Amino acid sequence: MLPLNPADRRFEDYPVGAVFEFGSISLTEPEIIAFAKQFDPQDMHTDPVVAAAGATKGIIASGWHTVSAMMRMLADRYLPKNGLPSPGIDELRWPNPVRPGDVLRLRVTIMDARRSRSKPDRGLVFALVEMLNQRDEVVLTMKPINLIRTRTMTG
C-alpha cells in the first residue's frame, strides 16, 4: 500500500512484486473527438460516420489519448509528488480499443527495483502498467522506468 500522501512516497514504497490498482476514468465521445482533432486527426477518432463504416465499427480513442488518461491516473495515484524525470518507457501497446463510455482502471506491477549505483539518493523502479476497461480487457500496456528518491542513503 502506497502512503496516502504522494509527498511521502519514496523508492522503498515500491517493492518488487507489489501490485497497485487505481481507477476509474471514462472518455466521452466528445472528449475523444476533441483530443483527436487536435493531436491525432484520423477518421477512426474524429468522424463517427466514417468510423462506423470502417474497421473499428465506431469511434475509438486515439492511443495517445489513452496514454494521456493513463498518465493522469499515474500522476494522481501512483507517482511521488517530488518526482524525478523518467528515463523512458518500453513496449507501449494498445491491444484493444477504447470506446466512448469505457470505464478504465490502472494496474501497476513492480517488476524490478534497485538503487542507483551512481546516485544513492534514488532508485530505479521498473513496472508493468496495464490499463483495463470495465470488461477486464487490456487496452494499454507499457513498461516504464521511474527514478524515485529514497528515504535513506546507502553507498
N, C-alpha and C. Protein backbone atom coordinates (compact mmCIF):
# COMPACT_ATOMS: atom_id res chain seq x y z
N MET A 1 0.84 -1.19 0.00
CA MET A 1 0.00 0.00 0.00
C MET A 1 0.88 1.24 0.00
N LEU A 2 0.66 2.11 -0.96
CA LEU A 2 1.43 3.35 -1.02
C LEU A 2 0.96 4.32 0.06
N PRO A 3 1.88 5.11 0.63
CA PRO A 3 1.45 6.16 1.56
C PRO A 3 0.40 7.04 0.87
N LEU A 4 -0.62 7.42 1.62
CA LEU A 4 -1.70 8.21 1.04
C LEU A 4 -1.22 9.55 0.51
N ASN A 5 -0.30 10.15 1.21
CA ASN A 5 0.19 11.45 0.78
C ASN A 5 1.31 11.24 -0.25
N PRO A 6 1.09 11.64 -1.50
CA PRO A 6 2.13 11.44 -2.53
C PRO A 6 3.46 12.10 -2.19
N ALA A 7 3.45 13.13 -1.36
CA ALA A 7 4.69 13.79 -0.98
C ALA A 7 5.55 12.88 -0.09
N ASP A 8 4.95 11.87 0.55
CA ASP A 8 5.67 10.96 1.43
C ASP A 8 6.21 9.72 0.73
N ARG A 9 5.88 9.52 -0.53
CA ARG A 9 6.28 8.31 -1.24
C ARG A 9 7.75 8.34 -1.61
N ARG A 10 8.40 7.19 -1.40
CA ARG A 10 9.82 7.05 -1.71
C ARG A 10 10.05 5.68 -2.35
N PHE A 11 11.26 5.49 -2.84
CA PHE A 11 11.66 4.26 -3.51
C PHE A 11 11.26 3.01 -2.70
N GLU A 12 11.44 3.08 -1.39
CA GLU A 12 11.17 1.92 -0.53
C GLU A 12 9.70 1.51 -0.54
N ASP A 13 8.81 2.36 -1.02
CA ASP A 13 7.37 2.07 -1.07
C ASP A 13 6.96 1.28 -2.32
N TYR A 14 7.93 0.95 -3.17
CA TYR A 14 7.66 0.26 -4.44
C TYR A 14 8.42 -1.06 -4.49
N PRO A 15 8.07 -2.03 -3.62
CA PRO A 15 8.82 -3.30 -3.59
C PRO A 15 8.49 -4.20 -4.79
N VAL A 16 9.46 -4.99 -5.20
CA VAL A 16 9.26 -5.94 -6.29
C VAL A 16 8.09 -6.86 -5.95
N GLY A 17 7.21 -7.05 -6.91
CA GLY A 17 6.04 -7.91 -6.75
C GLY A 17 4.79 -7.19 -6.31
N ALA A 18 4.92 -5.97 -5.82
CA ALA A 18 3.74 -5.21 -5.39
C ALA A 18 2.85 -4.91 -6.59
N VAL A 19 1.55 -4.96 -6.36
CA VAL A 19 0.57 -4.63 -7.40
C VAL A 19 -0.32 -3.53 -6.84
N PHE A 20 -0.44 -2.45 -7.59
CA PHE A 20 -1.27 -1.32 -7.22
C PHE A 20 -2.36 -1.17 -8.26
N GLU A 21 -3.61 -0.99 -7.82
CA GLU A 21 -4.72 -0.78 -8.76
C GLU A 21 -5.40 0.54 -8.45
N PHE A 22 -5.69 1.27 -9.53
CA PHE A 22 -6.32 2.57 -9.42
C PHE A 22 -7.38 2.70 -10.50
N GLY A 23 -8.36 3.49 -10.25
CA GLY A 23 -9.38 3.78 -11.26
C GLY A 23 -10.42 4.63 -10.61
N SER A 24 -11.21 5.17 -11.35
CA SER A 24 -11.51 4.93 -12.74
C SER A 24 -11.57 6.26 -13.49
N ILE A 25 -11.52 6.13 -14.82
CA ILE A 25 -11.65 7.27 -15.69
C ILE A 25 -12.42 6.81 -16.91
N SER A 26 -13.21 7.70 -17.47
CA SER A 26 -14.01 7.38 -18.65
C SER A 26 -13.84 8.51 -19.66
N LEU A 27 -13.78 8.13 -20.93
CA LEU A 27 -13.65 9.11 -22.00
C LEU A 27 -14.96 9.17 -22.78
N THR A 28 -15.52 10.36 -22.93
CA THR A 28 -16.75 10.53 -23.68
C THR A 28 -16.44 10.69 -25.17
N GLU A 29 -17.45 10.49 -26.01
CA GLU A 29 -17.23 10.68 -27.44
C GLU A 29 -16.78 12.11 -27.78
N PRO A 30 -17.41 13.14 -27.20
CA PRO A 30 -16.91 14.49 -27.49
C PRO A 30 -15.45 14.71 -27.07
N GLU A 31 -15.04 14.13 -25.94
CA GLU A 31 -13.65 14.25 -25.50
C GLU A 31 -12.71 13.53 -26.46
N ILE A 32 -13.11 12.34 -26.89
CA ILE A 32 -12.30 11.56 -27.84
C ILE A 32 -12.11 12.33 -29.14
N ILE A 33 -13.19 12.88 -29.65
CA ILE A 33 -13.14 13.62 -30.92
C ILE A 33 -12.30 14.90 -30.77
N ALA A 34 -12.50 15.63 -29.67
CA ALA A 34 -11.74 16.88 -29.47
C ALA A 34 -10.24 16.61 -29.35
N PHE A 35 -9.87 15.60 -28.59
CA PHE A 35 -8.44 15.25 -28.46
C PHE A 35 -7.88 14.89 -29.83
N ALA A 36 -8.59 14.03 -30.54
CA ALA A 36 -8.10 13.56 -31.84
C ALA A 36 -8.00 14.69 -32.86
N LYS A 37 -8.96 15.59 -32.86
CA LYS A 37 -8.89 16.71 -33.81
C LYS A 37 -7.64 17.53 -33.58
N GLN A 38 -7.22 17.64 -32.32
CA GLN A 38 -6.04 18.42 -32.02
C GLN A 38 -4.75 17.64 -32.22
N PHE A 39 -4.72 16.35 -31.86
CA PHE A 39 -3.46 15.63 -31.79
C PHE A 39 -3.34 14.39 -32.69
N ASP A 40 -4.44 13.80 -33.12
CA ASP A 40 -4.38 12.56 -33.90
C ASP A 40 -5.57 12.50 -34.86
N PRO A 41 -5.61 13.40 -35.86
CA PRO A 41 -6.80 13.58 -36.68
C PRO A 41 -7.02 12.48 -37.73
N GLN A 42 -7.25 11.28 -37.26
CA GLN A 42 -7.62 10.17 -38.13
C GLN A 42 -9.12 9.94 -38.00
N ASP A 43 -9.76 9.55 -39.11
CA ASP A 43 -11.21 9.40 -39.13
C ASP A 43 -11.75 8.46 -38.05
N MET A 44 -11.01 7.41 -37.71
CA MET A 44 -11.50 6.47 -36.68
C MET A 44 -11.64 7.14 -35.32
N HIS A 45 -11.00 8.31 -35.16
CA HIS A 45 -11.05 9.06 -33.91
C HIS A 45 -11.91 10.32 -34.00
N THR A 46 -12.21 10.79 -35.22
CA THR A 46 -12.83 12.11 -35.37
C THR A 46 -14.17 12.12 -36.10
N ASP A 47 -14.48 11.09 -36.86
CA ASP A 47 -15.67 11.11 -37.71
C ASP A 47 -16.55 9.89 -37.41
N PRO A 48 -17.62 10.06 -36.65
CA PRO A 48 -18.46 8.93 -36.27
C PRO A 48 -19.03 8.16 -37.47
N VAL A 49 -19.39 8.85 -38.54
CA VAL A 49 -19.98 8.17 -39.70
C VAL A 49 -18.94 7.31 -40.40
N VAL A 50 -17.78 7.90 -40.68
CA VAL A 50 -16.72 7.14 -41.35
C VAL A 50 -16.23 6.00 -40.45
N ALA A 51 -16.08 6.28 -39.15
CA ALA A 51 -15.62 5.25 -38.21
C ALA A 51 -16.60 4.08 -38.13
N ALA A 52 -17.90 4.37 -38.15
CA ALA A 52 -18.91 3.31 -38.08
C ALA A 52 -18.83 2.37 -39.28
N ALA A 53 -18.48 2.90 -40.44
CA ALA A 53 -18.40 2.10 -41.66
C ALA A 53 -17.02 1.44 -41.82
N GLY A 54 -16.07 1.79 -41.00
CA GLY A 54 -14.71 1.30 -41.15
C GLY A 54 -14.40 0.09 -40.27
N ALA A 55 -13.12 -0.23 -40.21
CA ALA A 55 -12.65 -1.42 -39.49
C ALA A 55 -12.95 -1.36 -37.99
N THR A 56 -13.02 -0.16 -37.41
CA THR A 56 -13.24 -0.05 -35.96
C THR A 56 -14.71 -0.10 -35.57
N LYS A 57 -15.60 -0.03 -36.55
CA LYS A 57 -17.06 -0.10 -36.31
C LYS A 57 -17.54 0.93 -35.30
N GLY A 58 -16.91 2.09 -35.32
CA GLY A 58 -17.30 3.19 -34.44
C GLY A 58 -16.08 3.96 -33.97
N ILE A 59 -16.34 5.09 -33.36
CA ILE A 59 -15.28 5.95 -32.83
C ILE A 59 -14.49 5.18 -31.78
N ILE A 60 -13.17 5.31 -31.85
CA ILE A 60 -12.29 4.80 -30.80
C ILE A 60 -11.34 5.92 -30.40
N ALA A 61 -10.88 5.86 -29.18
CA ALA A 61 -9.93 6.86 -28.68
C ALA A 61 -8.58 6.65 -29.33
N SER A 62 -7.91 7.74 -29.61
CA SER A 62 -6.51 7.67 -30.03
C SER A 62 -5.71 6.96 -28.94
N GLY A 63 -4.75 6.18 -29.35
CA GLY A 63 -3.87 5.55 -28.36
C GLY A 63 -3.17 6.59 -27.50
N TRP A 64 -2.89 7.75 -28.09
CA TRP A 64 -2.23 8.82 -27.34
C TRP A 64 -3.17 9.45 -26.32
N HIS A 65 -4.46 9.44 -26.59
CA HIS A 65 -5.44 9.89 -25.61
C HIS A 65 -5.48 8.90 -24.45
N THR A 66 -5.44 7.61 -24.79
CA THR A 66 -5.42 6.56 -23.77
C THR A 66 -4.18 6.72 -22.89
N VAL A 67 -3.02 6.98 -23.50
CA VAL A 67 -1.79 7.20 -22.74
C VAL A 67 -1.95 8.42 -21.83
N SER A 68 -2.57 9.48 -22.33
CA SER A 68 -2.76 10.68 -21.53
C SER A 68 -3.65 10.41 -20.32
N ALA A 69 -4.72 9.64 -20.52
CA ALA A 69 -5.61 9.29 -19.40
C ALA A 69 -4.86 8.42 -18.38
N MET A 70 -4.05 7.48 -18.88
CA MET A 70 -3.25 6.64 -18.00
C MET A 70 -2.26 7.49 -17.20
N MET A 71 -1.63 8.44 -17.88
CA MET A 71 -0.65 9.29 -17.20
C MET A 71 -1.30 10.11 -16.10
N ARG A 72 -2.53 10.57 -16.34
CA ARG A 72 -3.24 11.32 -15.30
C ARG A 72 -3.43 10.46 -14.06
N MET A 73 -3.82 9.19 -14.26
CA MET A 73 -4.01 8.30 -13.11
C MET A 73 -2.69 8.01 -12.42
N LEU A 74 -1.61 7.80 -13.21
CA LEU A 74 -0.30 7.56 -12.60
C LEU A 74 0.14 8.75 -11.76
N ALA A 75 -0.02 9.95 -12.33
CA ALA A 75 0.41 11.16 -11.62
C ALA A 75 -0.41 11.40 -10.36
N ASP A 76 -1.72 11.15 -10.42
CA ASP A 76 -2.60 11.39 -9.28
C ASP A 76 -2.48 10.33 -8.20
N ARG A 77 -2.22 9.08 -8.58
CA ARG A 77 -2.39 7.99 -7.62
C ARG A 77 -1.14 7.14 -7.36
N TYR A 78 -0.13 7.21 -8.22
CA TYR A 78 0.99 6.27 -8.12
C TYR A 78 2.34 6.96 -7.89
N LEU A 79 2.64 7.96 -8.67
CA LEU A 79 3.96 8.59 -8.61
C LEU A 79 4.09 9.51 -7.40
N PRO A 80 5.31 9.62 -6.85
CA PRO A 80 5.51 10.59 -5.78
C PRO A 80 5.44 12.01 -6.34
N LYS A 81 5.03 12.94 -5.50
CA LYS A 81 4.92 14.34 -5.94
C LYS A 81 6.28 15.01 -6.04
N ASN A 82 7.29 14.44 -5.42
CA ASN A 82 8.65 15.00 -5.51
C ASN A 82 9.43 14.27 -6.60
N GLY A 83 8.75 14.00 -7.71
CA GLY A 83 9.28 13.13 -8.74
C GLY A 83 10.54 13.62 -9.43
N LEU A 84 11.21 12.67 -10.04
CA LEU A 84 12.39 12.91 -10.86
C LEU A 84 12.02 12.56 -12.30
N PRO A 85 12.74 13.09 -13.27
CA PRO A 85 12.43 12.76 -14.67
C PRO A 85 12.57 11.27 -14.94
N SER A 86 11.70 10.75 -15.76
CA SER A 86 11.74 9.34 -16.13
C SER A 86 12.69 9.14 -17.30
N PRO A 87 13.52 8.09 -17.25
CA PRO A 87 14.39 7.83 -18.39
C PRO A 87 13.67 7.23 -19.59
N GLY A 88 12.40 6.80 -19.42
CA GLY A 88 11.66 6.33 -20.58
C GLY A 88 10.72 5.18 -20.29
N ILE A 89 10.12 4.68 -21.38
CA ILE A 89 9.22 3.54 -21.31
C ILE A 89 9.61 2.56 -22.41
N ASP A 90 9.24 1.31 -22.21
CA ASP A 90 9.46 0.27 -23.20
C ASP A 90 8.12 -0.39 -23.51
N GLU A 91 8.02 -0.92 -24.70
CA GLU A 91 6.93 -1.81 -25.09
C GLU A 91 5.53 -1.24 -24.90
N LEU A 92 5.29 -0.05 -25.40
CA LEU A 92 3.95 0.53 -25.36
C LEU A 92 3.07 -0.18 -26.37
N ARG A 93 1.92 -0.69 -25.91
CA ARG A 93 1.00 -1.42 -26.79
C ARG A 93 -0.43 -1.02 -26.47
N TRP A 94 -1.30 -1.11 -27.50
CA TRP A 94 -2.74 -0.88 -27.37
C TRP A 94 -3.45 -2.12 -27.91
N PRO A 95 -3.59 -3.19 -27.12
CA PRO A 95 -4.14 -4.44 -27.64
C PRO A 95 -5.64 -4.40 -27.96
N ASN A 96 -6.38 -3.50 -27.34
CA ASN A 96 -7.82 -3.35 -27.60
C ASN A 96 -8.16 -1.87 -27.62
N PRO A 97 -9.15 -1.49 -28.42
CA PRO A 97 -9.50 -0.07 -28.49
C PRO A 97 -10.28 0.40 -27.27
N VAL A 98 -10.20 1.71 -27.03
CA VAL A 98 -11.02 2.36 -26.01
C VAL A 98 -12.17 3.03 -26.75
N ARG A 99 -13.38 2.70 -26.32
CA ARG A 99 -14.58 3.24 -26.94
C ARG A 99 -15.24 4.26 -26.00
N PRO A 100 -16.03 5.16 -26.56
CA PRO A 100 -16.70 6.14 -25.70
C PRO A 100 -17.48 5.44 -24.57
N GLY A 101 -17.31 5.96 -23.37
CA GLY A 101 -18.02 5.42 -22.21
C GLY A 101 -17.31 4.28 -21.51
N ASP A 102 -16.25 3.72 -22.09
CA ASP A 102 -15.49 2.69 -21.37
C ASP A 102 -15.00 3.26 -20.05
N VAL A 103 -15.06 2.45 -19.01
CA VAL A 103 -14.57 2.84 -17.70
C VAL A 103 -13.22 2.15 -17.51
N LEU A 104 -12.18 2.96 -17.38
CA LEU A 104 -10.81 2.46 -17.36
C LEU A 104 -10.22 2.51 -15.97
N ARG A 105 -9.43 1.50 -15.67
CA ARG A 105 -8.70 1.47 -14.41
C ARG A 105 -7.27 1.04 -14.70
N LEU A 106 -6.41 1.28 -13.75
CA LEU A 106 -4.99 1.05 -13.93
C LEU A 106 -4.50 -0.02 -12.97
N ARG A 107 -3.61 -0.87 -13.48
CA ARG A 107 -2.93 -1.85 -12.64
C ARG A 107 -1.43 -1.70 -12.89
N VAL A 108 -0.67 -1.52 -11.82
CA VAL A 108 0.77 -1.36 -11.92
C VAL A 108 1.42 -2.46 -11.09
N THR A 109 2.27 -3.25 -11.75
CA THR A 109 3.00 -4.34 -11.09
C THR A 109 4.49 -3.99 -11.09
N ILE A 110 5.11 -3.99 -9.92
CA ILE A 110 6.53 -3.69 -9.83
C ILE A 110 7.32 -4.93 -10.22
N MET A 111 8.05 -4.82 -11.32
CA MET A 111 8.81 -5.95 -11.86
C MET A 111 10.23 -6.02 -11.29
N ASP A 112 10.82 -4.86 -11.05
CA ASP A 112 12.18 -4.80 -10.53
C ASP A 112 12.36 -3.44 -9.87
N ALA A 113 13.20 -3.37 -8.87
CA ALA A 113 13.51 -2.11 -8.19
C ALA A 113 14.92 -2.23 -7.64
N ARG A 114 15.74 -1.25 -7.97
CA ARG A 114 17.11 -1.27 -7.46
C ARG A 114 17.62 0.15 -7.28
N ARG A 115 18.47 0.28 -6.29
CA ARG A 115 19.09 1.59 -6.03
C ARG A 115 20.06 1.92 -7.15
N SER A 116 20.15 3.20 -7.42
CA SER A 116 21.13 3.67 -8.40
C SER A 116 22.52 3.49 -7.80
N ARG A 117 23.45 2.97 -8.61
CA ARG A 117 24.83 2.82 -8.14
C ARG A 117 25.54 4.17 -8.10
N SER A 118 25.20 5.04 -9.03
CA SER A 118 25.91 6.31 -9.13
C SER A 118 25.29 7.43 -8.28
N LYS A 119 23.99 7.29 -7.97
CA LYS A 119 23.30 8.33 -7.19
C LYS A 119 22.48 7.65 -6.09
N PRO A 120 23.06 7.46 -4.90
CA PRO A 120 22.41 6.68 -3.84
C PRO A 120 21.16 7.32 -3.24
N ASP A 121 20.82 8.54 -3.67
CA ASP A 121 19.61 9.19 -3.15
C ASP A 121 18.38 8.81 -3.96
N ARG A 122 18.52 7.88 -4.90
CA ARG A 122 17.38 7.48 -5.75
C ARG A 122 17.49 6.02 -6.15
N GLY A 123 16.35 5.51 -6.59
CA GLY A 123 16.30 4.15 -7.09
C GLY A 123 15.58 4.10 -8.41
N LEU A 124 15.77 3.00 -9.12
CA LEU A 124 15.09 2.75 -10.39
C LEU A 124 13.98 1.75 -10.14
N VAL A 125 12.77 2.08 -10.59
CA VAL A 125 11.62 1.19 -10.45
C VAL A 125 11.15 0.84 -11.86
N PHE A 126 11.12 -0.46 -12.15
CA PHE A 126 10.68 -0.98 -13.44
C PHE A 126 9.32 -1.63 -13.22
N ALA A 127 8.32 -1.21 -13.97
CA ALA A 127 6.96 -1.68 -13.73
C ALA A 127 6.31 -2.14 -15.03
N LEU A 128 5.27 -2.92 -14.87
CA LEU A 128 4.34 -3.23 -15.95
C LEU A 128 3.07 -2.46 -15.64
N VAL A 129 2.69 -1.57 -16.54
CA VAL A 129 1.47 -0.80 -16.39
C VAL A 129 0.44 -1.35 -17.36
N GLU A 130 -0.74 -1.65 -16.84
CA GLU A 130 -1.84 -2.13 -17.66
C GLU A 130 -3.07 -1.28 -17.40
N MET A 131 -3.73 -0.85 -18.45
CA MET A 131 -5.00 -0.16 -18.33
C MET A 131 -6.06 -1.14 -18.83
N LEU A 132 -7.11 -1.30 -18.03
CA LEU A 132 -8.17 -2.26 -18.35
C LEU A 132 -9.51 -1.54 -18.41
N ASN A 133 -10.39 -2.06 -19.25
CA ASN A 133 -11.74 -1.50 -19.31
C ASN A 133 -12.67 -2.26 -18.37
N GLN A 134 -13.94 -1.90 -18.39
CA GLN A 134 -14.92 -2.49 -17.48
C GLN A 134 -15.17 -3.98 -17.76
N ARG A 135 -14.73 -4.47 -18.90
CA ARG A 135 -14.85 -5.90 -19.24
C ARG A 135 -13.56 -6.66 -18.95
N ASP A 136 -12.64 -6.01 -18.24
CA ASP A 136 -11.32 -6.56 -17.92
C ASP A 136 -10.47 -6.84 -19.16
N GLU A 137 -10.76 -6.15 -20.27
CA GLU A 137 -9.92 -6.23 -21.46
C GLU A 137 -8.78 -5.23 -21.30
N VAL A 138 -7.58 -5.66 -21.60
CA VAL A 138 -6.43 -4.78 -21.52
C VAL A 138 -6.44 -3.86 -22.74
N VAL A 139 -6.39 -2.55 -22.50
CA VAL A 139 -6.43 -1.58 -23.59
C VAL A 139 -5.09 -0.85 -23.76
N LEU A 140 -4.19 -1.01 -22.80
CA LEU A 140 -2.88 -0.39 -22.88
C LEU A 140 -1.93 -1.17 -22.00
N THR A 141 -0.72 -1.40 -22.50
CA THR A 141 0.36 -1.93 -21.67
C THR A 141 1.62 -1.14 -21.98
N MET A 142 2.44 -0.99 -20.98
CA MET A 142 3.75 -0.37 -21.17
C MET A 142 4.63 -0.72 -19.98
N LYS A 143 5.93 -0.53 -20.17
CA LYS A 143 6.89 -0.82 -19.12
C LYS A 143 7.72 0.44 -18.86
N PRO A 144 7.24 1.27 -17.91
CA PRO A 144 8.00 2.48 -17.60
C PRO A 144 9.17 2.20 -16.65
N ILE A 145 10.12 3.09 -16.71
CA ILE A 145 11.23 3.11 -15.76
C ILE A 145 11.13 4.45 -15.04
N ASN A 146 11.04 4.40 -13.72
CA ASN A 146 10.92 5.62 -12.94
C ASN A 146 12.10 5.75 -11.99
N LEU A 147 12.61 6.95 -11.88
CA LEU A 147 13.59 7.29 -10.86
C LEU A 147 12.82 7.86 -9.68
N ILE A 148 13.05 7.29 -8.50
CA ILE A 148 12.31 7.72 -7.31
C ILE A 148 13.29 7.92 -6.16
N ARG A 149 13.12 9.04 -5.47
CA ARG A 149 14.01 9.35 -4.34
C ARG A 149 13.86 8.31 -3.23
N THR A 150 14.98 8.06 -2.53
CA THR A 150 14.97 7.12 -1.42
C THR A 150 14.76 7.86 -0.09
N ARG A 151 14.37 7.11 0.91
CA ARG A 151 14.27 7.67 2.26
C ARG A 151 15.66 7.72 2.91
N THR A 152 16.43 6.67 2.64
CA THR A 152 17.74 6.55 3.25
C THR A 152 18.81 6.44 2.17
N MET A 153 19.97 6.93 2.47
CA MET A 153 21.08 6.85 1.51
C MET A 153 21.99 5.69 1.92
N THR A 154 22.46 4.98 0.92
CA THR A 154 23.45 3.93 1.16
C THR A 154 24.61 4.15 0.21
N GLY A 155 25.66 3.43 0.39
CA GLY A 155 26.78 3.50 -0.54
C GLY A 155 27.83 4.32 0.02
